[in-house]
Amino acid sequence: MNLLSMLTNDPVVMFSFGGLAILLAIAAFYVYYFLKQIQDDSKSH
């Protein structure tokens, strides 16, 4: 339990998790965007 409290209070870990969350959000947006564009393109042809 001491390790968990140390990790939650460490700002470096918080920035790392924050950066990973932003990275995953951007990746999820691009996956959604490209799949939507592929579907729209296949409908128009």
N, C-alpha and C. Protein backbone atom coordinates (compact mmCIF):
# COMPACT_ATOMS: atom_id res chain seq x y z
N MET A 1 0.83 -1.20 0.00
CA MET A 1 0.00 0.00 0.00
C MET A 1 0.87 1.26 0.00
N ASN A 2 2.05 1.15 0.58
CA ASN A 2 2.94 2.30 0.60
C ASN A 2 3.39 2.66 -0.81
N LEU A 3 3.58 1.64 -1.66
CA LEU A 3 3.98 1.89 -3.04
C LEU A 3 2.89 2.63 -3.80
N LEU A 4 1.64 2.24 -3.56
CA LEU A 4 0.52 2.90 -4.24
C LEU A 4 0.41 4.36 -3.84
N SER A 5 0.56 4.65 -2.54
CA SER A 5 0.48 6.04 -2.10
C SER A 5 1.67 6.85 -2.60
N MET A 6 2.82 6.22 -2.73
CA MET A 6 3.99 6.91 -3.27
C MET A 6 3.76 7.25 -4.75
N LEU A 7 3.17 6.33 -5.49
CA LEU A 7 2.93 6.57 -6.91
C LEU A 7 1.87 7.66 -7.12
N THR A 8 0.84 7.68 -6.30
CA THR A 8 -0.21 8.68 -6.48
C THR A 8 0.25 10.07 -6.06
N ASN A 9 1.25 10.17 -5.19
CA ASN A 9 1.72 11.48 -4.74
C ASN A 9 2.90 11.99 -5.55
N ASP A 10 3.43 11.17 -6.47
CA ASP A 10 4.60 11.57 -7.24
C ASP A 10 4.15 12.36 -8.48
N PRO A 11 4.58 13.59 -8.63
CA PRO A 11 4.13 14.38 -9.80
C PRO A 11 4.64 13.82 -11.12
N VAL A 12 5.80 13.15 -11.11
CA VAL A 12 6.32 12.58 -12.36
C VAL A 12 5.38 11.49 -12.86
N VAL A 13 4.86 10.67 -11.96
CA VAL A 13 3.92 9.62 -12.34
C VAL A 13 2.62 10.24 -12.84
N MET A 14 2.18 11.31 -12.20
CA MET A 14 0.95 11.97 -12.64
C MET A 14 1.10 12.54 -14.05
N PHE A 15 2.24 13.18 -14.33
CA PHE A 15 2.47 13.71 -15.67
C PHE A 15 2.57 12.58 -16.69
N SER A 16 3.16 11.46 -16.30
CA SER A 16 3.27 10.33 -17.22
C SER A 16 1.90 9.77 -17.56
N PHE A 17 1.07 9.58 -16.53
CA PHE A 17 -0.28 9.08 -16.79
C PHE A 17 -1.10 10.10 -17.57
N GLY A 18 -0.91 11.36 -17.29
CA GLY A 18 -1.62 12.39 -18.04
C GLY A 18 -1.21 12.41 -19.50
N GLY A 19 0.09 12.30 -19.74
CA GLY A 19 0.57 12.25 -21.12
C GLY A 19 0.07 11.03 -21.86
N LEU A 20 0.06 9.89 -21.18
CA LEU A 20 -0.47 8.67 -21.80
C LEU A 20 -1.95 8.81 -22.10
N ALA A 21 -2.71 9.43 -21.21
CA ALA A 21 -4.14 9.61 -21.44
C ALA A 21 -4.38 10.51 -22.65
N ILE A 22 -3.59 11.58 -22.77
CA ILE A 22 -3.73 12.47 -23.93
C ILE A 22 -3.36 11.72 -25.21
N LEU A 23 -2.28 10.94 -25.16
CA LEU A 23 -1.85 10.19 -26.33
C LEU A 23 -2.91 9.18 -26.77
N LEU A 24 -3.50 8.48 -25.81
CA LEU A 24 -4.54 7.50 -26.15
C LEU A 24 -5.79 8.19 -26.67
N ALA A 25 -6.11 9.37 -26.15
CA ALA A 25 -7.28 10.09 -26.64
C ALA A 25 -7.06 10.55 -28.09
N ILE A 26 -5.87 11.03 -28.40
CA ILE A 26 -5.56 11.44 -29.77
C ILE A 26 -5.60 10.24 -30.70
N ALA A 27 -5.03 9.11 -30.27
CA ALA A 27 -5.03 7.91 -31.09
C ALA A 27 -6.45 7.42 -31.34
N ALA A 28 -7.29 7.44 -30.31
CA ALA A 28 -8.68 7.01 -30.48
C ALA A 28 -9.42 7.93 -31.43
N PHE A 29 -9.16 9.23 -31.36
CA PHE A 29 -9.81 10.16 -32.27
C PHE A 29 -9.40 9.88 -33.72
N TYR A 30 -8.11 9.64 -33.96
CA TYR A 30 -7.67 9.37 -35.31
C TYR A 30 -8.23 8.07 -35.85
N VAL A 31 -8.33 7.04 -35.01
CA VAL A 31 -8.94 5.78 -35.45
C VAL A 31 -10.39 6.03 -35.84
N TYR A 32 -11.13 6.74 -35.00
CA TYR A 32 -12.53 7.06 -35.32
C TYR A 32 -12.62 7.88 -36.60
N TYR A 33 -11.77 8.89 -36.73
CA TYR A 33 -11.82 9.78 -37.89
C TYR A 33 -11.54 9.03 -39.18
N PHE A 34 -10.47 8.20 -39.20
CA PHE A 34 -10.13 7.50 -40.42
C PHE A 34 -11.17 6.44 -40.77
N LEU A 35 -11.72 5.75 -39.78
CA LEU A 35 -12.77 4.77 -40.08
C LEU A 35 -14.01 5.47 -40.63
N LYS A 36 -14.34 6.64 -40.11
CA LYS A 36 -15.49 7.38 -40.61
C LYS A 36 -15.24 7.85 -42.05
N GLN A 37 -14.03 8.32 -42.33
CA GLN A 37 -13.71 8.76 -43.68
C GLN A 37 -13.74 7.60 -44.67
N ILE A 38 -13.27 6.42 -44.25
CA ILE A 38 -13.28 5.25 -45.13
C ILE A 38 -14.72 4.84 -45.42
N GLN A 39 -15.59 4.89 -44.41
CA GLN A 39 -16.99 4.53 -44.63
C GLN A 39 -17.65 5.53 -45.55
N ASP A 40 -17.41 6.82 -45.37
CA ASP A 40 -18.02 7.83 -46.23
C ASP A 40 -17.50 7.71 -47.65
N ASP A 41 -16.23 7.38 -47.81
CA ASP A 41 -15.66 7.25 -49.15
C ASP A 41 -16.22 6.03 -49.87
N SER A 42 -16.43 4.94 -49.15
CA SER A 42 -16.94 3.74 -49.80
C SER A 42 -18.42 3.90 -50.15
N LYS A 43 -19.16 4.76 -49.44
CA LYS A 43 -20.55 5.01 -49.78
C LYS A 43 -20.67 5.85 -51.04
N SER A 44 -19.74 6.76 -51.27
CA SER A 44 -19.86 7.67 -52.40
C SER A 44 -19.43 7.02 -53.71
N HIS A 45 -18.69 5.90 -53.65
CA HIS A 45 -18.26 5.25 -54.90
C HIS A 45 -19.12 4.10 -55.24
